[in-house]
Amino acid sequence: MTKRQLFDEFARIGQALGSGARIELLDLLFQAERTVDELAKETGMSVANVSQHLQVLRRARMVEVRREGLHAHYRLAGDEVYQIWSAMRSFGERRVHEVRAALDEFLTTRENVEAVSATDLVRRLKAGQVTVIDVRPAEEYRAGHIAGAISLPMSQLASQLGRLPRRREIVAYCRGPYCVHSDAAVSLLEKHGFKAKRLEFGLPEWRARGLSVASGPE
């Protein structure tokens, strides 16, 4: 094998990430394993299209499949997949003007939502000063969540406000820094008189920092 051929093998990884649709699928798999049907429903893509994208990711060894009866459950091949995406995201945010412009347009209301850092949240959790809510779907919470967090999916939050303490600050988090569900949760909570903030990022970033993660139901 020549050095060029070796580099071509590395290039296959980049090619697998050369699609916004495939990155969107990975973004969902960072939360929990899913079937093709579940991914299609979540993204609005056809089942056939999702299957094709997953095969590209599988050939690049970025996802693995677990079969259960007639269903194929896809999951990340390892933590390195998130590390690649994190580095790619960081580079884009710092170096690529088009990425920064797209972020500014996508996150138009974020400047009005105060964020709390992971370091501050860890300290305040230990002191019992905050209540943390996970506004992702319940199945993602069960697959992994910040230890001590309450599962309150965004679709149910308005009807479950009675579960939250009025005298303690609420910190909401969702899938990652580009997930706007936590922003919406903070806005809803503030409208109902709660003091609320969003976590600066989501569960994958929390886990990557080696912070405490639990799994299973509440």
N, C-alpha and C. Protein backbone atom coordinates (compact mmCIF):
# COMPACT_ATOMS: atom_id res chain seq x y z
N MET A 1 0.84 -1.20 0.00
CA MET A 1 0.00 0.00 0.00
C MET A 1 0.88 1.25 0.00
N THR A 2 0.53 2.22 -0.82
CA THR A 2 1.28 3.48 -0.87
C THR A 2 0.72 4.45 0.17
N LYS A 3 1.49 5.52 0.41
CA LYS A 3 1.01 6.55 1.34
C LYS A 3 -0.27 7.18 0.82
N ARG A 4 -0.37 7.37 -0.50
CA ARG A 4 -1.59 7.95 -1.07
C ARG A 4 -2.79 7.06 -0.79
N GLN A 5 -2.61 5.76 -0.92
CA GLN A 5 -3.70 4.84 -0.63
C GLN A 5 -4.09 4.88 0.85
N LEU A 6 -3.08 5.02 1.70
CA LEU A 6 -3.35 5.16 3.13
C LEU A 6 -4.19 6.40 3.39
N PHE A 7 -3.79 7.51 2.78
CA PHE A 7 -4.53 8.76 2.96
C PHE A 7 -5.94 8.66 2.39
N ASP A 8 -6.09 7.88 1.32
CA ASP A 8 -7.43 7.68 0.76
C ASP A 8 -8.35 6.99 1.77
N GLU A 9 -7.78 6.09 2.57
CA GLU A 9 -8.58 5.42 3.59
C GLU A 9 -9.04 6.41 4.65
N PHE A 10 -8.14 7.32 5.04
CA PHE A 10 -8.54 8.37 5.98
C PHE A 10 -9.61 9.27 5.36
N ALA A 11 -9.47 9.52 4.06
CA ALA A 11 -10.41 10.42 3.38
C ALA A 11 -11.83 9.87 3.39
N ARG A 12 -11.97 8.55 3.49
CA ARG A 12 -13.31 7.97 3.54
C ARG A 12 -14.08 8.47 4.75
N ILE A 13 -13.37 8.75 5.83
CA ILE A 13 -14.03 9.28 7.02
C ILE A 13 -14.60 10.65 6.73
N GLY A 14 -13.79 11.49 6.08
CA GLY A 14 -14.27 12.82 5.72
C GLY A 14 -15.43 12.76 4.74
N GLN A 15 -15.38 11.83 3.81
CA GLN A 15 -16.46 11.69 2.85
C GLN A 15 -17.77 11.29 3.54
N ALA A 16 -17.66 10.45 4.57
CA ALA A 16 -18.85 10.04 5.31
C ALA A 16 -19.50 11.23 6.00
N LEU A 17 -18.69 12.21 6.38
CA LEU A 17 -19.21 13.40 7.05
C LEU A 17 -19.55 14.51 6.07
N GLY A 18 -19.42 14.22 4.78
CA GLY A 18 -19.66 15.25 3.77
C GLY A 18 -21.12 15.40 3.39
N SER A 19 -22.00 15.25 4.35
CA SER A 19 -23.44 15.38 4.12
C SER A 19 -24.11 15.88 5.39
N GLY A 20 -24.86 16.96 5.26
CA GLY A 20 -25.59 17.47 6.42
C GLY A 20 -26.59 16.45 6.95
N ALA A 21 -27.17 15.66 6.05
CA ALA A 21 -28.14 14.64 6.48
C ALA A 21 -27.47 13.59 7.36
N ARG A 22 -26.26 13.18 7.00
CA ARG A 22 -25.57 12.16 7.80
C ARG A 22 -25.13 12.73 9.15
N ILE A 23 -24.73 13.99 9.17
CA ILE A 23 -24.38 14.61 10.44
C ILE A 23 -25.61 14.72 11.33
N GLU A 24 -26.76 15.01 10.73
CA GLU A 24 -28.00 15.06 11.50
C GLU A 24 -28.32 13.70 12.11
N LEU A 25 -28.09 12.63 11.36
CA LEU A 25 -28.32 11.29 11.89
C LEU A 25 -27.38 11.00 13.05
N LEU A 26 -26.12 11.38 12.90
CA LEU A 26 -25.16 11.19 13.99
C LEU A 26 -25.57 11.99 15.22
N ASP A 27 -26.06 13.19 15.00
CA ASP A 27 -26.49 14.04 16.11
C ASP A 27 -27.57 13.35 16.93
N LEU A 28 -28.45 12.62 16.27
CA LEU A 28 -29.49 11.87 16.98
C LEU A 28 -28.91 10.63 17.66
N LEU A 29 -27.96 9.98 17.01
CA LEU A 29 -27.37 8.78 17.59
C LEU A 29 -26.45 9.11 18.77
N PHE A 30 -26.01 10.36 18.88
CA PHE A 30 -25.25 10.76 20.06
C PHE A 30 -26.13 10.65 21.31
N GLN A 31 -27.44 10.72 21.13
CA GLN A 31 -28.37 10.68 22.27
C GLN A 31 -28.73 9.25 22.67
N ALA A 32 -29.01 8.42 21.67
CA ALA A 32 -29.45 7.05 21.94
C ALA A 32 -29.48 6.26 20.64
N GLU A 33 -29.40 4.94 20.73
CA GLU A 33 -29.52 4.13 19.52
C GLU A 33 -30.95 4.21 19.00
N ARG A 34 -31.09 4.02 17.69
CA ARG A 34 -32.40 4.15 17.05
C ARG A 34 -32.52 3.20 15.87
N THR A 35 -33.76 2.89 15.52
CA THR A 35 -34.02 2.11 14.32
C THR A 35 -34.09 3.06 13.12
N VAL A 36 -34.07 2.49 11.93
CA VAL A 36 -34.18 3.29 10.71
C VAL A 36 -35.50 4.05 10.71
N ASP A 37 -36.58 3.38 11.09
CA ASP A 37 -37.90 4.02 11.11
C ASP A 37 -37.91 5.21 12.07
N GLU A 38 -37.30 5.05 13.23
CA GLU A 38 -37.27 6.14 14.21
C GLU A 38 -36.47 7.33 13.68
N LEU A 39 -35.36 7.04 13.03
CA LEU A 39 -34.54 8.11 12.47
C LEU A 39 -35.28 8.83 11.34
N ALA A 40 -35.99 8.06 10.53
CA ALA A 40 -36.76 8.66 9.43
C ALA A 40 -37.85 9.58 9.98
N LYS A 41 -38.53 9.14 11.01
CA LYS A 41 -39.60 9.95 11.61
C LYS A 41 -39.04 11.22 12.22
N GLU A 42 -37.90 11.11 12.88
CA GLU A 42 -37.31 12.25 13.57
C GLU A 42 -36.78 13.30 12.59
N THR A 43 -36.22 12.85 11.46
CA THR A 43 -35.59 13.77 10.52
C THR A 43 -36.49 14.20 9.37
N GLY A 44 -37.56 13.45 9.13
CA GLY A 44 -38.42 13.76 7.99
C GLY A 44 -37.90 13.19 6.69
N MET A 45 -36.82 12.42 6.74
CA MET A 45 -36.30 11.76 5.54
C MET A 45 -37.06 10.46 5.31
N SER A 46 -36.99 9.95 4.09
CA SER A 46 -37.60 8.66 3.81
C SER A 46 -36.77 7.54 4.43
N VAL A 47 -37.41 6.41 4.66
CA VAL A 47 -36.71 5.25 5.22
C VAL A 47 -35.57 4.83 4.29
N ALA A 48 -35.83 4.85 2.99
CA ALA A 48 -34.80 4.45 2.02
C ALA A 48 -33.60 5.39 2.07
N ASN A 49 -33.87 6.68 2.19
CA ASN A 49 -32.78 7.66 2.24
C ASN A 49 -31.96 7.50 3.51
N VAL A 50 -32.64 7.31 4.64
CA VAL A 50 -31.94 7.09 5.90
C VAL A 50 -31.07 5.84 5.81
N SER A 51 -31.60 4.78 5.25
CA SER A 51 -30.84 3.53 5.12
C SER A 51 -29.58 3.73 4.30
N GLN A 52 -29.68 4.48 3.22
CA GLN A 52 -28.51 4.74 2.38
C GLN A 52 -27.44 5.51 3.14
N HIS A 53 -27.86 6.53 3.87
CA HIS A 53 -26.90 7.33 4.65
C HIS A 53 -26.25 6.48 5.74
N LEU A 54 -27.03 5.63 6.39
CA LEU A 54 -26.48 4.79 7.45
C LEU A 54 -25.46 3.80 6.89
N GLN A 55 -25.67 3.33 5.69
CA GLN A 55 -24.71 2.41 5.09
C GLN A 55 -23.38 3.10 4.82
N VAL A 56 -23.44 4.37 4.41
CA VAL A 56 -22.20 5.14 4.22
C VAL A 56 -21.47 5.28 5.55
N LEU A 57 -22.20 5.61 6.60
CA LEU A 57 -21.59 5.76 7.92
C LEU A 57 -21.06 4.42 8.44
N ARG A 58 -21.76 3.37 8.12
CA ARG A 58 -21.32 2.05 8.58
C ARG A 58 -20.04 1.62 7.86
N ARG A 59 -19.95 1.90 6.56
CA ARG A 59 -18.73 1.55 5.82
C ARG A 59 -17.53 2.34 6.33
N ALA A 60 -17.79 3.53 6.85
CA ALA A 60 -16.71 4.34 7.43
C ALA A 60 -16.46 3.98 8.89
N ARG A 61 -17.14 2.93 9.38
CA ARG A 61 -16.98 2.42 10.75
C ARG A 61 -17.38 3.46 11.80
N MET A 62 -18.35 4.30 11.46
CA MET A 62 -18.80 5.33 12.40
C MET A 62 -20.04 4.90 13.17
N VAL A 63 -20.80 3.96 12.62
CA VAL A 63 -21.95 3.41 13.32
C VAL A 63 -21.90 1.89 13.27
N GLU A 64 -22.58 1.28 14.22
CA GLU A 64 -22.72 -0.17 14.27
C GLU A 64 -24.20 -0.51 14.32
N VAL A 65 -24.53 -1.75 14.04
CA VAL A 65 -25.93 -2.16 14.03
C VAL A 65 -26.13 -3.35 14.97
N ARG A 66 -27.24 -3.31 15.68
CA ARG A 66 -27.65 -4.41 16.56
C ARG A 66 -29.01 -4.88 16.09
N ARG A 67 -29.12 -6.15 15.77
CA ARG A 67 -30.39 -6.67 15.24
C ARG A 67 -31.22 -7.31 16.35
N GLU A 68 -32.49 -6.97 16.33
CA GLU A 68 -33.44 -7.51 17.31
C GLU A 68 -34.72 -7.87 16.56
N GLY A 69 -34.89 -9.14 16.28
CA GLY A 69 -36.03 -9.56 15.48
C GLY A 69 -35.92 -9.00 14.08
N LEU A 70 -36.96 -8.30 13.64
CA LEU A 70 -36.97 -7.72 12.31
C LEU A 70 -36.36 -6.32 12.28
N HIS A 71 -35.98 -5.81 13.43
CA HIS A 71 -35.51 -4.43 13.51
C HIS A 71 -33.99 -4.35 13.65
N ALA A 72 -33.43 -3.35 12.98
CA ALA A 72 -32.00 -3.06 13.09
C ALA A 72 -31.85 -1.77 13.89
N HIS A 73 -31.12 -1.85 14.99
CA HIS A 73 -30.90 -0.69 15.86
C HIS A 73 -29.48 -0.16 15.62
N TYR A 74 -29.39 1.10 15.24
CA TYR A 74 -28.09 1.70 14.96
C TYR A 74 -27.59 2.49 16.16
N ARG A 75 -26.28 2.43 16.37
CA ARG A 75 -25.65 3.16 17.46
C ARG A 75 -24.27 3.63 17.00
N LEU A 76 -23.69 4.55 17.75
CA LEU A 76 -22.34 5.02 17.44
C LEU A 76 -21.34 3.88 17.62
N ALA A 77 -20.30 3.89 16.80
CA ALA A 77 -19.28 2.85 16.91
C ALA A 77 -18.35 3.09 18.10
N GLY A 78 -18.29 4.32 18.59
CA GLY A 78 -17.42 4.61 19.73
C GLY A 78 -17.38 6.09 20.02
N ASP A 79 -16.76 6.44 21.14
CA ASP A 79 -16.69 7.85 21.55
C ASP A 79 -15.90 8.69 20.55
N GLU A 80 -15.02 8.04 19.78
CA GLU A 80 -14.22 8.79 18.81
C GLU A 80 -15.08 9.51 17.78
N VAL A 81 -16.26 8.95 17.50
CA VAL A 81 -17.15 9.57 16.51
C VAL A 81 -17.58 10.95 16.99
N TYR A 82 -17.94 11.03 18.26
CA TYR A 82 -18.30 12.34 18.80
C TYR A 82 -17.10 13.29 18.79
N GLN A 83 -15.92 12.78 19.09
CA GLN A 83 -14.73 13.62 19.12
C GLN A 83 -14.44 14.22 17.74
N ILE A 84 -14.65 13.42 16.69
CA ILE A 84 -14.47 13.93 15.32
C ILE A 84 -15.45 15.06 15.05
N TRP A 85 -16.72 14.83 15.39
CA TRP A 85 -17.75 15.85 15.16
C TRP A 85 -17.47 17.10 15.98
N SER A 86 -17.04 16.93 17.22
CA SER A 86 -16.75 18.07 18.08
C SER A 86 -15.63 18.93 17.49
N ALA A 87 -14.58 18.27 16.99
CA ALA A 87 -13.46 19.01 16.39
C ALA A 87 -13.90 19.72 15.12
N MET A 88 -14.72 19.06 14.33
CA MET A 88 -15.23 19.64 13.09
C MET A 88 -16.11 20.86 13.39
N ARG A 89 -16.94 20.72 14.39
CA ARG A 89 -17.83 21.82 14.79
C ARG A 89 -17.03 23.01 15.31
N SER A 90 -16.04 22.73 16.14
CA SER A 90 -15.21 23.79 16.70
C SER A 90 -14.46 24.54 15.60
N PHE A 91 -13.92 23.80 14.64
CA PHE A 91 -13.21 24.42 13.53
C PHE A 91 -14.16 25.32 12.73
N GLY A 92 -15.35 24.81 12.45
CA GLY A 92 -16.31 25.59 11.68
C GLY A 92 -16.71 26.87 12.38
N GLU A 93 -16.96 26.78 13.68
CA GLU A 93 -17.38 27.96 14.44
C GLU A 93 -16.29 29.02 14.49
N ARG A 94 -15.04 28.58 14.53
CA ARG A 94 -13.92 29.52 14.68
C ARG A 94 -13.38 30.04 13.35
N ARG A 95 -13.44 29.20 12.32
CA ARG A 95 -12.70 29.52 11.10
C ARG A 95 -13.55 29.78 9.86
N VAL A 96 -14.79 29.31 9.85
CA VAL A 96 -15.59 29.37 8.62
C VAL A 96 -16.69 30.41 8.78
N HIS A 97 -16.57 31.47 8.01
CA HIS A 97 -17.53 32.58 8.11
C HIS A 97 -18.95 32.11 7.86
N GLU A 98 -19.13 31.24 6.87
CA GLU A 98 -20.48 30.78 6.52
C GLU A 98 -21.12 30.02 7.68
N VAL A 99 -20.32 29.27 8.43
CA VAL A 99 -20.85 28.56 9.60
C VAL A 99 -21.30 29.56 10.66
N ARG A 100 -20.47 30.55 10.92
CA ARG A 100 -20.83 31.55 11.93
C ARG A 100 -22.09 32.31 11.53
N ALA A 101 -22.19 32.64 10.24
CA ALA A 101 -23.38 33.36 9.76
C ALA A 101 -24.63 32.49 9.89
N ALA A 102 -24.50 31.20 9.56
CA ALA A 102 -25.63 30.28 9.68
C ALA A 102 -26.06 30.13 11.14
N LEU A 103 -25.08 30.08 12.04
CA LEU A 103 -25.40 29.98 13.46
C LEU A 103 -26.14 31.21 13.95
N ASP A 104 -25.66 32.38 13.54
CA ASP A 104 -26.32 33.62 13.95
C ASP A 104 -27.77 33.66 13.48
N GLU A 105 -28.00 33.15 12.27
CA GLU A 105 -29.36 33.15 11.73
C GLU A 105 -30.23 32.10 12.41
N PHE A 106 -29.64 30.92 12.68
CA PHE A 106 -30.40 29.83 13.28
C PHE A 106 -30.75 30.10 14.74
N LEU A 107 -29.79 30.67 15.47
CA LEU A 107 -29.98 30.90 16.91
C LEU A 107 -30.31 32.37 17.17
N THR A 108 -31.31 32.88 16.48
CA THR A 108 -31.61 34.32 16.55
C THR A 108 -32.04 34.78 17.93
N THR A 109 -32.69 33.92 18.70
CA THR A 109 -33.21 34.35 20.01
C THR A 109 -32.32 33.94 21.17
N ARG A 110 -31.21 33.27 20.90
CA ARG A 110 -30.41 32.73 21.99
C ARG A 110 -29.81 33.81 22.88
N GLU A 111 -29.52 34.97 22.33
CA GLU A 111 -28.90 36.02 23.14
C GLU A 111 -29.80 36.46 24.29
N ASN A 112 -31.08 36.12 24.21
CA ASN A 112 -32.01 36.49 25.28
C ASN A 112 -32.14 35.41 26.35
N VAL A 113 -31.44 34.29 26.15
CA VAL A 113 -31.54 33.16 27.09
C VAL A 113 -30.20 32.99 27.79
N GLU A 114 -30.20 33.18 29.09
CA GLU A 114 -28.95 33.09 29.86
C GLU A 114 -28.51 31.64 30.00
N ALA A 115 -27.20 31.41 29.85
CA ALA A 115 -26.65 30.06 29.94
C ALA A 115 -25.82 29.90 31.21
N VAL A 116 -25.74 28.66 31.69
CA VAL A 116 -24.91 28.34 32.84
C VAL A 116 -23.84 27.36 32.37
N SER A 117 -22.63 27.52 32.87
CA SER A 117 -21.53 26.64 32.47
C SER A 117 -21.62 25.31 33.20
N ALA A 118 -20.94 24.31 32.65
CA ALA A 118 -20.91 22.99 33.29
C ALA A 118 -20.26 23.07 34.67
N THR A 119 -19.19 23.84 34.78
CA THR A 119 -18.49 23.97 36.06
C THR A 119 -19.41 24.55 37.12
N ASP A 120 -20.15 25.58 36.76
CA ASP A 120 -21.07 26.21 37.70
C ASP A 120 -22.21 25.27 38.06
N LEU A 121 -22.70 24.52 37.07
CA LEU A 121 -23.81 23.61 37.34
C LEU A 121 -23.38 22.49 38.28
N VAL A 122 -22.20 21.94 38.08
CA VAL A 122 -21.71 20.88 38.98
C VAL A 122 -21.65 21.40 40.41
N ARG A 123 -21.11 22.59 40.58
CA ARG A 123 -20.99 23.18 41.92
C ARG A 123 -22.36 23.39 42.56
N ARG A 124 -23.30 23.90 41.79
CA ARG A 124 -24.61 24.21 42.33
C ARG A 124 -25.45 22.96 42.55
N LEU A 125 -25.22 21.92 41.75
CA LEU A 125 -25.89 20.65 41.99
C LEU A 125 -25.45 20.05 43.32
N LYS A 126 -24.16 20.08 43.57
CA LYS A 126 -23.63 19.54 44.82
C LYS A 126 -24.19 20.29 46.03
N ALA A 127 -24.43 21.59 45.84
CA ALA A 127 -24.94 22.41 46.93
C ALA A 127 -26.47 22.35 47.04
N GLY A 128 -27.12 21.63 46.11
CA GLY A 128 -28.57 21.53 46.13
C GLY A 128 -29.28 22.83 45.80
N GLN A 129 -28.65 23.64 44.95
CA GLN A 129 -29.20 24.97 44.66
C GLN A 129 -30.03 25.03 43.39
N VAL A 130 -30.02 23.98 42.58
CA VAL A 130 -30.74 24.01 41.31
C VAL A 130 -31.49 22.70 41.08
N THR A 131 -32.49 22.78 40.22
CA THR A 131 -33.17 21.59 39.70
C THR A 131 -32.86 21.53 38.21
N VAL A 132 -32.36 20.39 37.76
CA VAL A 132 -31.99 20.23 36.36
C VAL A 132 -33.07 19.42 35.65
N ILE A 133 -33.52 19.92 34.50
CA ILE A 133 -34.52 19.19 33.72
C ILE A 133 -33.97 18.85 32.35
N ASP A 134 -34.26 17.64 31.93
CA ASP A 134 -33.87 17.12 30.61
C ASP A 134 -35.11 17.21 29.73
N VAL A 135 -35.07 18.08 28.72
CA VAL A 135 -36.26 18.31 27.89
C VAL A 135 -36.23 17.50 26.59
N ARG A 136 -35.32 16.54 26.50
CA ARG A 136 -35.30 15.63 25.35
C ARG A 136 -36.41 14.59 25.49
N PRO A 137 -36.70 13.84 24.43
CA PRO A 137 -37.69 12.76 24.54
C PRO A 137 -37.29 11.76 25.62
N ALA A 138 -38.29 11.10 26.20
CA ALA A 138 -38.06 10.21 27.34
C ALA A 138 -37.09 9.08 27.02
N GLU A 139 -37.14 8.55 25.77
CA GLU A 139 -36.25 7.44 25.44
C GLU A 139 -34.78 7.88 25.44
N GLU A 140 -34.52 9.13 25.11
CA GLU A 140 -33.15 9.64 25.16
C GLU A 140 -32.71 9.81 26.61
N TYR A 141 -33.62 10.26 27.45
CA TYR A 141 -33.32 10.38 28.88
C TYR A 141 -32.95 9.01 29.46
N ARG A 142 -33.73 7.99 29.12
CA ARG A 142 -33.45 6.65 29.66
C ARG A 142 -32.10 6.12 29.19
N ALA A 143 -31.70 6.48 27.98
CA ALA A 143 -30.42 6.00 27.45
C ALA A 143 -29.23 6.64 28.16
N GLY A 144 -29.43 7.84 28.69
CA GLY A 144 -28.36 8.53 29.40
C GLY A 144 -28.76 9.95 29.71
N HIS A 145 -28.49 10.40 30.93
CA HIS A 145 -28.85 11.77 31.32
C HIS A 145 -27.92 12.26 32.43
N ILE A 146 -27.91 13.55 32.63
CA ILE A 146 -27.14 14.12 33.73
C ILE A 146 -27.68 13.56 35.04
N ALA A 147 -26.78 13.03 35.85
CA ALA A 147 -27.20 12.42 37.12
C ALA A 147 -27.97 13.44 37.96
N GLY A 148 -29.16 13.04 38.39
CA GLY A 148 -29.99 13.91 39.20
C GLY A 148 -31.00 14.73 38.43
N ALA A 149 -30.93 14.68 37.09
CA ALA A 149 -31.87 15.45 36.27
C ALA A 149 -33.24 14.80 36.25
N ILE A 150 -34.26 15.62 36.05
CA ILE A 150 -35.65 15.17 35.92
C ILE A 150 -36.01 15.14 34.44
N SER A 151 -36.72 14.11 34.02
CA SER A 151 -37.16 14.02 32.63
C SER A 151 -38.47 14.79 32.46
N LEU A 152 -38.40 15.86 31.68
CA LEU A 152 -39.59 16.65 31.34
C LEU A 152 -39.50 17.02 29.86
N PRO A 153 -39.88 16.09 28.97
CA PRO A 153 -39.81 16.38 27.54
C PRO A 153 -40.52 17.68 27.19
N MET A 154 -39.96 18.40 26.23
CA MET A 154 -40.51 19.71 25.88
C MET A 154 -41.99 19.63 25.54
N SER A 155 -42.41 18.53 24.92
CA SER A 155 -43.81 18.38 24.54
C SER A 155 -44.74 18.26 25.74
N GLN A 156 -44.18 17.94 26.92
CA GLN A 156 -44.99 17.75 28.12
C GLN A 156 -44.75 18.82 29.19
N LEU A 157 -43.79 19.68 28.95
CA LEU A 157 -43.36 20.60 30.00
C LEU A 157 -44.49 21.49 30.52
N ALA A 158 -45.27 22.05 29.62
CA ALA A 158 -46.32 22.98 30.04
C ALA A 158 -47.32 22.33 31.00
N SER A 159 -47.57 21.05 30.82
CA SER A 159 -48.55 20.36 31.67
C SER A 159 -47.93 19.77 32.93
N GLN A 160 -46.60 19.86 33.06
CA GLN A 160 -45.91 19.25 34.19
C GLN A 160 -45.21 20.28 35.09
N LEU A 161 -45.56 21.54 34.95
CA LEU A 161 -44.88 22.58 35.72
C LEU A 161 -45.07 22.40 37.23
N GLY A 162 -46.13 21.72 37.62
CA GLY A 162 -46.39 21.50 39.04
C GLY A 162 -45.34 20.62 39.71
N ARG A 163 -44.54 19.91 38.92
CA ARG A 163 -43.49 19.06 39.49
C ARG A 163 -42.26 19.87 39.90
N LEU A 164 -42.19 21.12 39.49
CA LEU A 164 -40.98 21.90 39.69
C LEU A 164 -41.10 22.84 40.89
N PRO A 165 -40.01 22.98 41.66
CA PRO A 165 -40.03 23.88 42.82
C PRO A 165 -40.00 25.34 42.38
N ARG A 166 -40.76 26.15 43.06
CA ARG A 166 -40.84 27.57 42.71
C ARG A 166 -39.67 28.37 43.27
N ARG A 167 -39.07 27.90 44.34
CA ARG A 167 -38.04 28.69 45.02
C ARG A 167 -36.62 28.30 44.63
N ARG A 168 -36.49 27.44 43.65
CA ARG A 168 -35.16 27.00 43.22
C ARG A 168 -35.01 27.25 41.73
N GLU A 169 -33.83 27.68 41.33
CA GLU A 169 -33.58 27.93 39.92
C GLU A 169 -33.63 26.63 39.12
N ILE A 170 -34.17 26.71 37.91
CA ILE A 170 -34.26 25.56 37.01
C ILE A 170 -33.22 25.72 35.91
N VAL A 171 -32.50 24.64 35.62
CA VAL A 171 -31.56 24.63 34.49
C VAL A 171 -32.03 23.55 33.52
N ALA A 172 -32.27 23.96 32.27
CA ALA A 172 -32.75 23.02 31.25
C ALA A 172 -31.62 22.68 30.28
N TYR A 173 -31.62 21.44 29.82
CA TYR A 173 -30.66 21.06 28.77
C TYR A 173 -31.34 20.14 27.77
N CYS A 174 -30.75 20.06 26.57
CA CYS A 174 -31.30 19.15 25.56
C CYS A 174 -30.17 18.43 24.85
N ARG A 175 -30.19 18.37 23.51
CA ARG A 175 -29.28 17.48 22.79
C ARG A 175 -27.88 18.03 22.59
N GLY A 176 -27.73 19.34 22.56
CA GLY A 176 -26.42 19.91 22.29
C GLY A 176 -26.52 21.41 22.10
N PRO A 177 -25.42 22.05 21.73
CA PRO A 177 -25.40 23.51 21.63
C PRO A 177 -26.30 24.07 20.53
N TYR A 178 -26.70 23.24 19.56
CA TYR A 178 -27.58 23.72 18.50
C TYR A 178 -29.03 23.30 18.71
N CYS A 179 -29.32 22.67 19.82
CA CYS A 179 -30.69 22.27 20.13
C CYS A 179 -31.41 23.43 20.80
N VAL A 180 -32.55 23.83 20.25
CA VAL A 180 -33.25 25.01 20.76
C VAL A 180 -34.36 24.65 21.75
N HIS A 181 -34.53 23.37 22.06
CA HIS A 181 -35.58 23.00 23.01
C HIS A 181 -35.31 23.59 24.40
N SER A 182 -34.04 23.64 24.79
CA SER A 182 -33.75 24.21 26.11
C SER A 182 -34.04 25.71 26.13
N ASP A 183 -33.82 26.39 25.01
CA ASP A 183 -34.17 27.81 24.92
C ASP A 183 -35.68 28.00 25.09
N ALA A 184 -36.44 27.14 24.39
CA ALA A 184 -37.90 27.22 24.48
C ALA A 184 -38.37 26.90 25.90
N ALA A 185 -37.70 25.95 26.54
CA ALA A 185 -38.08 25.58 27.91
C ALA A 185 -37.86 26.75 28.86
N VAL A 186 -36.73 27.42 28.73
CA VAL A 186 -36.44 28.57 29.59
C VAL A 186 -37.48 29.67 29.39
N SER A 187 -37.82 29.94 28.14
CA SER A 187 -38.83 30.97 27.85
C SER A 187 -40.17 30.62 28.48
N LEU A 188 -40.57 29.36 28.36
CA LEU A 188 -41.83 28.91 28.94
C LEU A 188 -41.81 29.03 30.46
N LEU A 189 -40.72 28.59 31.07
CA LEU A 189 -40.61 28.65 32.52
C LEU A 189 -40.65 30.08 33.03
N GLU A 190 -39.94 30.96 32.35
CA GLU A 190 -39.93 32.36 32.78
C GLU A 190 -41.31 33.00 32.66
N LYS A 191 -42.06 32.63 31.64
CA LYS A 191 -43.42 33.16 31.48
C LYS A 191 -44.32 32.74 32.63
N HIS A 192 -43.99 31.61 33.27
CA HIS A 192 -44.80 31.11 34.38
C HIS A 192 -44.17 31.44 35.73
N GLY A 193 -43.24 32.37 35.73
CA GLY A 193 -42.71 32.87 36.99
C GLY A 193 -41.53 32.13 37.57
N PHE A 194 -40.97 31.18 36.84
CA PHE A 194 -39.79 30.46 37.33
C PHE A 194 -38.52 31.23 36.96
N LYS A 195 -37.49 31.05 37.77
CA LYS A 195 -36.17 31.55 37.41
C LYS A 195 -35.45 30.41 36.71
N ALA A 196 -35.07 30.62 35.45
CA ALA A 196 -34.53 29.51 34.66
C ALA A 196 -33.38 29.94 33.77
N LYS A 197 -32.49 28.99 33.51
CA LYS A 197 -31.38 29.16 32.58
C LYS A 197 -31.23 27.88 31.77
N ARG A 198 -30.45 27.95 30.70
CA ARG A 198 -30.13 26.75 29.93
C ARG A 198 -28.68 26.36 30.19
N LEU A 199 -28.39 25.07 30.10
CA LEU A 199 -27.01 24.62 30.15
C LEU A 199 -26.34 25.02 28.85
N GLU A 200 -25.07 25.38 28.91
CA GLU A 200 -24.38 25.91 27.73
C GLU A 200 -24.28 24.90 26.59
N PHE A 201 -24.43 23.61 26.88
CA PHE A 201 -24.40 22.59 25.83
C PHE A 201 -25.33 21.45 26.22
N GLY A 202 -25.14 20.27 25.62
CA GLY A 202 -26.04 19.15 25.87
C GLY A 202 -25.36 17.96 26.52
N LEU A 203 -26.07 16.84 26.54
CA LEU A 203 -25.54 15.65 27.20
C LEU A 203 -24.25 15.13 26.57
N PRO A 204 -24.11 15.08 25.23
CA PRO A 204 -22.85 14.55 24.68
C PRO A 204 -21.63 15.32 25.16
N GLU A 205 -21.74 16.65 25.25
CA GLU A 205 -20.62 17.46 25.72
C GLU A 205 -20.36 17.23 27.21
N TRP A 206 -21.43 17.08 27.96
CA TRP A 206 -21.32 16.78 29.40
C TRP A 206 -20.59 15.46 29.60
N ARG A 207 -21.00 14.44 28.85
CA ARG A 207 -20.37 13.12 28.95
C ARG A 207 -18.91 13.17 28.52
N ALA A 208 -18.61 13.92 27.45
CA ALA A 208 -17.24 14.00 26.94
C ALA A 208 -16.29 14.62 27.95
N ARG A 209 -16.82 15.42 28.86
CA ARG A 209 -16.00 16.03 29.91
C ARG A 209 -15.84 15.12 31.12
N GLY A 210 -16.38 13.92 31.04
CA GLY A 210 -16.23 12.97 32.13
C GLY A 210 -17.10 13.27 33.33
N LEU A 211 -18.16 14.06 33.13
CA LEU A 211 -19.06 14.40 34.23
C LEU A 211 -20.09 13.30 34.44
N SER A 212 -20.76 13.34 35.57
CA SER A 212 -21.62 12.24 36.01
C SER A 212 -22.85 12.06 35.12
N VAL A 213 -22.99 10.85 34.57
CA VAL A 213 -24.12 10.49 33.72
C VAL A 213 -24.78 9.24 34.28
N ALA A 214 -26.10 9.24 34.30
CA ALA A 214 -26.87 8.08 34.74
C ALA A 214 -27.73 7.59 33.58
N SER A 215 -28.32 6.42 33.73
CA SER A 215 -29.22 5.89 32.70
C SER A 215 -30.42 5.23 33.37
N GLY A 216 -31.44 4.96 32.57
CA GLY A 216 -32.66 4.36 33.10
C GLY A 216 -33.69 5.42 33.44
N PRO A 217 -34.87 4.99 33.90
CA PRO A 217 -35.94 5.95 34.25
C PRO A 217 -35.60 6.70 35.53
N GLU A 218 -36.43 7.69 35.84
CA GLU A 218 -36.20 8.47 37.07
C GLU A 218 -36.31 7.57 38.29
